[in-house]
C-alpha cells in the first residue's frame, strides 16, 4: 500500500486546502458558538499559517480558555500582546492553566513557543 501524497511529508500545502482558509476565517468571525473558535484557529494553523498573527493576538481576549491558551502560545511578541499576557498572568479570576501559560510565555526568551 502506498502512502497518501497529502501526508505530513508531502511538502507544500495543496491549493484545495488553502482554499478552505477564507471559509475558516469567516467562521472564526461569525460563529455563534465561541467554543468553535479554537478548532477554527487550529485548522487554520494546520493549513495556512499566513496572517494568523492578528487572530492569535485577538485570541488573548477570547472568552474560551482553550482559545486564550492558543493566543498565549502563538501571539506575536509586541508591547500590546505582552501587556495582555501579563494581565492574564496576574488575573485572579483567570484559570490556573491560563495563568501558568502566560507566566511561562513571559519568561520565555523571545517570541511565541
N, C-alpha and C. Protein backbone atom coordinates (compact mmCIF):
# COMPACT_ATOMS: atom_id res chain seq x y z
N UNK A 1 0.84 -1.17 0.00
CA UNK A 1 0.00 0.00 0.00
C UNK A 1 0.89 1.24 0.00
N UNK A 2 0.59 2.17 -0.86
CA UNK A 2 1.38 3.39 -0.97
C UNK A 2 0.88 4.43 0.01
N UNK A 3 1.82 5.27 0.48
CA UNK A 3 1.45 6.37 1.37
C UNK A 3 0.65 7.40 0.58
N UNK A 4 -0.28 8.04 1.24
CA UNK A 4 -1.05 9.09 0.59
C UNK A 4 -0.17 10.28 0.27
N UNK A 5 -0.33 10.90 -0.88
CA UNK A 5 0.52 12.03 -1.26
C UNK A 5 0.27 13.28 -0.44
N UNK A 6 -0.81 13.32 0.37
CA UNK A 6 -1.08 14.52 1.14
C UNK A 6 -0.71 14.34 2.61
N UNK A 7 0.14 13.37 2.92
CA UNK A 7 0.58 13.13 4.29
C UNK A 7 1.53 14.21 4.76
N UNK A 8 2.05 14.08 6.00
CA UNK A 8 2.90 15.09 6.59
C UNK A 8 4.16 15.39 5.78
N UNK A 9 4.68 14.41 5.05
CA UNK A 9 5.91 14.64 4.30
C UNK A 9 5.63 15.05 2.86
N UNK A 10 4.42 15.44 2.57
CA UNK A 10 4.05 15.73 1.19
C UNK A 10 4.58 17.06 0.68
N UNK A 11 5.09 17.90 1.56
CA UNK A 11 5.61 19.19 1.12
C UNK A 11 4.59 20.29 1.23
N UNK A 12 4.58 21.22 0.28
CA UNK A 12 3.69 22.39 0.37
C UNK A 12 2.22 21.99 0.42
N UNK A 13 1.44 22.83 1.08
CA UNK A 13 0.01 22.59 1.19
C UNK A 13 -0.63 22.70 -0.18
N UNK A 14 -1.49 21.80 -0.47
CA UNK A 14 -2.16 21.79 -1.76
C UNK A 14 -3.14 22.96 -1.86
N UNK A 15 -3.36 23.47 -3.04
CA UNK A 15 -4.29 24.61 -3.21
C UNK A 15 -5.68 24.35 -2.67
N UNK A 16 -6.17 23.14 -2.77
CA UNK A 16 -7.52 22.83 -2.28
C UNK A 16 -7.63 23.12 -0.79
N UNK A 17 -6.60 22.77 -0.05
CA UNK A 17 -6.61 23.03 1.39
C UNK A 17 -6.53 24.52 1.67
N UNK A 18 -5.69 25.23 0.93
CA UNK A 18 -5.59 26.67 1.13
C UNK A 18 -6.91 27.35 0.81
N UNK A 19 -7.68 26.77 -0.09
CA UNK A 19 -8.97 27.33 -0.43
C UNK A 19 -9.95 27.31 0.74
N UNK A 20 -9.71 26.45 1.72
CA UNK A 20 -10.57 26.39 2.91
C UNK A 20 -10.28 27.53 3.88
N UNK A 21 -9.10 28.12 3.79
CA UNK A 21 -8.71 29.15 4.76
C UNK A 21 -9.68 30.33 4.80
N UNK A 22 -10.13 30.89 3.67
CA UNK A 22 -11.08 32.01 3.76
C UNK A 22 -12.38 31.62 4.47
N UNK A 23 -12.83 30.41 4.25
CA UNK A 23 -14.05 29.95 4.93
C UNK A 23 -13.82 29.85 6.44
N UNK A 24 -12.68 29.29 6.82
CA UNK A 24 -12.39 29.16 8.24
C UNK A 24 -12.25 30.53 8.91
N UNK A 25 -11.64 31.49 8.21
CA UNK A 25 -11.54 32.84 8.76
C UNK A 25 -12.93 33.46 8.93
N UNK A 26 -13.79 33.24 7.98
CA UNK A 26 -15.15 33.76 8.07
C UNK A 26 -15.90 33.09 9.23
N UNK A 27 -15.72 31.78 9.38
CA UNK A 27 -16.34 31.08 10.50
C UNK A 27 -15.84 31.63 11.83
N UNK A 28 -14.53 31.91 11.91
CA UNK A 28 -13.94 32.49 13.12
C UNK A 28 -14.68 33.77 13.51
N UNK A 29 -14.95 34.60 12.53
CA UNK A 29 -15.58 35.89 12.80
C UNK A 29 -17.07 35.79 13.13
N UNK A 30 -17.76 34.81 12.55
CA UNK A 30 -19.22 34.81 12.63
C UNK A 30 -19.83 33.61 13.34
N UNK A 31 -19.04 32.79 13.99
CA UNK A 31 -19.63 31.62 14.64
C UNK A 31 -20.50 32.05 15.82
N UNK A 32 -21.66 31.42 15.97
CA UNK A 32 -22.48 31.72 17.15
C UNK A 32 -22.02 30.92 18.38
N UNK A 33 -21.04 30.05 18.18
CA UNK A 33 -20.57 29.18 19.25
C UNK A 33 -19.10 29.49 19.55
N UNK A 34 -18.84 30.12 20.67
CA UNK A 34 -17.47 30.54 20.99
C UNK A 34 -16.50 29.37 21.06
N UNK A 35 -16.96 28.22 21.51
CA UNK A 35 -16.05 27.08 21.66
C UNK A 35 -15.52 26.59 20.32
N UNK A 36 -16.17 26.95 19.22
CA UNK A 36 -15.69 26.52 17.91
C UNK A 36 -14.46 27.29 17.44
N UNK A 37 -14.22 28.48 17.99
CA UNK A 37 -13.10 29.29 17.53
C UNK A 37 -11.76 28.58 17.71
N UNK A 38 -11.62 27.81 18.77
CA UNK A 38 -10.38 27.07 18.98
C UNK A 38 -10.13 26.12 17.81
N UNK A 39 -11.14 25.38 17.41
CA UNK A 39 -10.99 24.44 16.31
C UNK A 39 -10.69 25.15 14.99
N UNK A 40 -11.34 26.28 14.75
CA UNK A 40 -11.07 27.03 13.52
C UNK A 40 -9.63 27.53 13.50
N UNK A 41 -9.16 28.01 14.63
CA UNK A 41 -7.78 28.51 14.69
C UNK A 41 -6.78 27.38 14.51
N UNK A 42 -7.05 26.24 15.11
CA UNK A 42 -6.16 25.08 14.92
C UNK A 42 -6.16 24.63 13.47
N UNK A 43 -7.31 24.61 12.84
CA UNK A 43 -7.39 24.21 11.44
C UNK A 43 -6.64 25.19 10.55
N UNK A 44 -6.81 26.48 10.80
CA UNK A 44 -6.07 27.48 10.01
C UNK A 44 -4.57 27.30 10.18
N UNK A 45 -4.13 27.06 11.39
CA UNK A 45 -2.70 26.87 11.63
C UNK A 45 -2.17 25.63 10.90
N UNK A 46 -3.01 24.63 10.74
CA UNK A 46 -2.58 23.41 10.07
C UNK A 46 -2.49 23.57 8.55
N UNK A 47 -3.33 24.44 7.97
CA UNK A 47 -3.35 24.52 6.51
C UNK A 47 -2.77 25.79 5.94
N UNK A 48 -2.77 26.88 6.72
CA UNK A 48 -2.27 28.15 6.17
C UNK A 48 -1.96 29.12 7.30
N UNK A 49 -0.73 29.13 7.72
CA UNK A 49 -0.32 29.96 8.86
C UNK A 49 -0.17 31.43 8.50
N UNK A 50 -0.21 31.76 7.22
CA UNK A 50 -0.03 33.16 6.80
C UNK A 50 -1.12 34.04 7.38
N UNK A 51 -0.72 35.11 8.03
CA UNK A 51 -1.67 36.09 8.53
C UNK A 51 -2.38 35.73 9.82
N UNK A 52 -1.93 34.72 10.52
CA UNK A 52 -2.60 34.33 11.76
C UNK A 52 -2.20 35.18 12.96
N UNK A 53 -1.20 36.02 12.81
CA UNK A 53 -0.73 36.81 13.95
C UNK A 53 -1.87 37.61 14.57
N UNK A 54 -2.70 38.22 13.72
CA UNK A 54 -3.82 39.02 14.22
C UNK A 54 -4.82 38.14 14.98
N UNK A 55 -5.13 36.97 14.46
CA UNK A 55 -6.08 36.10 15.13
C UNK A 55 -5.54 35.59 16.46
N UNK A 56 -4.24 35.27 16.50
CA UNK A 56 -3.65 34.85 17.76
C UNK A 56 -3.68 35.98 18.79
N UNK A 57 -3.40 37.19 18.35
CA UNK A 57 -3.46 38.33 19.27
C UNK A 57 -4.90 38.54 19.75
N UNK A 58 -5.85 38.45 18.83
CA UNK A 58 -7.27 38.60 19.20
C UNK A 58 -7.69 37.51 20.17
N UNK A 59 -7.10 36.34 20.07
CA UNK A 59 -7.44 35.22 20.94
C UNK A 59 -7.17 35.51 22.41
N UNK A 60 -6.29 36.43 22.67
CA UNK A 60 -5.96 36.75 24.06
C UNK A 60 -7.14 37.35 24.81
N UNK A 61 -8.15 37.83 24.10
CA UNK A 61 -9.35 38.41 24.71
C UNK A 61 -10.55 37.47 24.61
N UNK A 62 -10.36 36.26 24.11
CA UNK A 62 -11.47 35.35 23.88
C UNK A 62 -12.06 34.86 25.20
N UNK A 63 -13.34 34.51 25.18
CA UNK A 63 -14.00 34.01 26.38
C UNK A 63 -13.67 32.53 26.64
N UNK A 64 -13.14 31.84 25.65
CA UNK A 64 -12.83 30.42 25.80
C UNK A 64 -11.38 30.23 26.24
N UNK A 65 -11.20 29.46 27.29
CA UNK A 65 -9.86 29.19 27.83
C UNK A 65 -8.93 28.59 26.77
N UNK A 66 -9.41 27.62 26.02
CA UNK A 66 -8.54 26.95 25.05
C UNK A 66 -8.08 27.91 23.95
N UNK A 67 -8.93 28.85 23.60
CA UNK A 67 -8.55 29.84 22.59
C UNK A 67 -7.53 30.82 23.17
N UNK A 68 -7.73 31.23 24.41
CA UNK A 68 -6.73 32.10 25.05
C UNK A 68 -5.38 31.40 25.15
N UNK A 69 -5.40 30.10 25.44
CA UNK A 69 -4.14 29.36 25.52
C UNK A 69 -3.42 29.34 24.18
N UNK A 70 -4.16 29.18 23.08
CA UNK A 70 -3.53 29.25 21.76
C UNK A 70 -2.93 30.63 21.52
N UNK A 71 -3.66 31.66 21.92
CA UNK A 71 -3.14 33.02 21.77
C UNK A 71 -1.89 33.25 22.58
N UNK A 72 -1.88 32.78 23.80
CA UNK A 72 -0.69 32.94 24.64
C UNK A 72 0.51 32.26 24.00
N UNK A 73 0.32 31.08 23.48
CA UNK A 73 1.42 30.32 22.88
C UNK A 73 1.91 30.91 21.57
N UNK A 74 1.02 31.57 20.81
CA UNK A 74 1.37 31.90 19.43
C UNK A 74 1.25 33.36 19.03
N UNK A 75 0.73 34.20 19.89
CA UNK A 75 0.61 35.61 19.52
C UNK A 75 1.99 36.21 19.29
N UNK A 76 2.10 37.12 18.34
CA UNK A 76 3.41 37.73 18.08
C UNK A 76 3.86 38.56 19.28
N UNK A 77 5.15 38.67 19.42
CA UNK A 77 5.70 39.46 20.51
C UNK A 77 5.60 40.93 20.16
N UNK A 78 4.75 41.63 20.90
CA UNK A 78 4.59 43.07 20.73
C UNK A 78 4.24 43.64 22.10
N UNK A 79 4.40 44.94 22.29
CA UNK A 79 4.03 45.52 23.59
C UNK A 79 2.57 45.24 23.96
N UNK A 80 1.67 45.31 22.97
CA UNK A 80 0.25 45.08 23.26
C UNK A 80 -0.01 43.64 23.70
N UNK A 81 0.53 42.67 22.96
CA UNK A 81 0.26 41.28 23.32
C UNK A 81 0.95 40.90 24.62
N UNK A 82 2.17 41.36 24.83
CA UNK A 82 2.85 41.03 26.08
C UNK A 82 2.14 41.67 27.27
N UNK A 83 1.60 42.87 27.08
CA UNK A 83 0.82 43.51 28.13
C UNK A 83 -0.43 42.71 28.47
N UNK A 84 -1.13 42.24 27.43
CA UNK A 84 -2.33 41.44 27.66
C UNK A 84 -1.98 40.11 28.32
N UNK A 85 -0.88 39.50 27.92
CA UNK A 85 -0.45 38.24 28.53
C UNK A 85 -0.11 38.46 30.00
N UNK A 86 0.49 39.59 30.32
CA UNK A 86 0.79 39.92 31.72
C UNK A 86 -0.51 40.06 32.53
N UNK A 87 -1.53 40.67 31.93
CA UNK A 87 -2.82 40.78 32.60
C UNK A 87 -3.41 39.40 32.87
N UNK A 88 -3.33 38.52 31.88
CA UNK A 88 -3.83 37.15 32.06
C UNK A 88 -3.05 36.43 33.16
N UNK A 89 -1.76 36.65 33.20
CA UNK A 89 -0.92 36.01 34.23
C UNK A 89 -1.34 36.45 35.63
N UNK A 90 -1.70 37.72 35.78
CA UNK A 90 -1.96 38.30 37.10
C UNK A 90 -3.43 38.30 37.50
N UNK A 91 -4.32 37.87 36.63
CA UNK A 91 -5.75 37.94 36.89
C UNK A 91 -6.19 36.81 37.82
N UNK A 92 -6.64 37.15 39.04
CA UNK A 92 -7.03 36.10 39.99
C UNK A 92 -8.29 35.33 39.54
N UNK A 93 -9.05 35.89 38.61
CA UNK A 93 -10.25 35.21 38.12
C UNK A 93 -9.94 34.29 36.93
N UNK A 94 -8.72 34.34 36.43
CA UNK A 94 -8.32 33.51 35.29
C UNK A 94 -8.06 32.10 35.78
N UNK A 95 -8.15 31.13 34.85
CA UNK A 95 -7.90 29.74 35.22
C UNK A 95 -6.41 29.54 35.53
N UNK A 96 -6.11 28.55 36.37
CA UNK A 96 -4.70 28.28 36.67
C UNK A 96 -3.88 27.93 35.42
N UNK A 97 -4.49 27.23 34.46
CA UNK A 97 -3.77 26.85 33.24
C UNK A 97 -3.39 28.08 32.42
N UNK A 98 -4.30 29.01 32.30
CA UNK A 98 -4.01 30.23 31.54
C UNK A 98 -2.97 31.07 32.26
N UNK A 99 -3.09 31.20 33.58
CA UNK A 99 -2.09 31.98 34.33
C UNK A 99 -0.70 31.36 34.19
N UNK A 100 -0.63 30.03 34.27
CA UNK A 100 0.66 29.34 34.14
C UNK A 100 1.24 29.51 32.74
N UNK A 101 0.41 29.37 31.72
CA UNK A 101 0.88 29.53 30.34
C UNK A 101 1.36 30.95 30.11
N UNK A 102 0.63 31.93 30.64
CA UNK A 102 1.03 33.33 30.50
C UNK A 102 2.36 33.58 31.21
N UNK A 103 2.51 33.04 32.39
CA UNK A 103 3.77 33.19 33.12
C UNK A 103 4.93 32.58 32.33
N UNK A 104 4.73 31.38 31.80
CA UNK A 104 5.78 30.72 31.03
C UNK A 104 6.13 31.52 29.78
N UNK A 105 5.12 32.03 29.10
CA UNK A 105 5.37 32.82 27.87
C UNK A 105 6.18 34.06 28.19
N UNK A 106 5.85 34.73 29.30
CA UNK A 106 6.58 35.95 29.65
C UNK A 106 8.00 35.65 30.10
N UNK A 107 8.25 34.45 30.59
CA UNK A 107 9.59 34.05 30.99
C UNK A 107 10.42 33.55 29.82
N UNK A 108 9.75 33.20 28.71
CA UNK A 108 10.46 32.70 27.52
C UNK A 108 11.35 33.80 26.98
N UNK A 109 12.53 33.43 26.45
CA UNK A 109 13.47 34.45 25.97
C UNK A 109 12.90 35.36 24.88
N UNK A 110 12.31 34.81 23.84
CA UNK A 110 11.75 35.64 22.77
C UNK A 110 10.71 34.86 22.00
N UNK A 111 9.76 35.58 21.47
CA UNK A 111 8.82 35.02 20.51
C UNK A 111 7.88 33.99 21.08
N UNK A 112 6.87 33.61 20.28
CA UNK A 112 5.93 32.58 20.69
C UNK A 112 6.59 31.23 20.73
N UNK A 113 6.01 30.34 21.55
CA UNK A 113 6.56 28.99 21.66
C UNK A 113 6.09 28.12 20.54
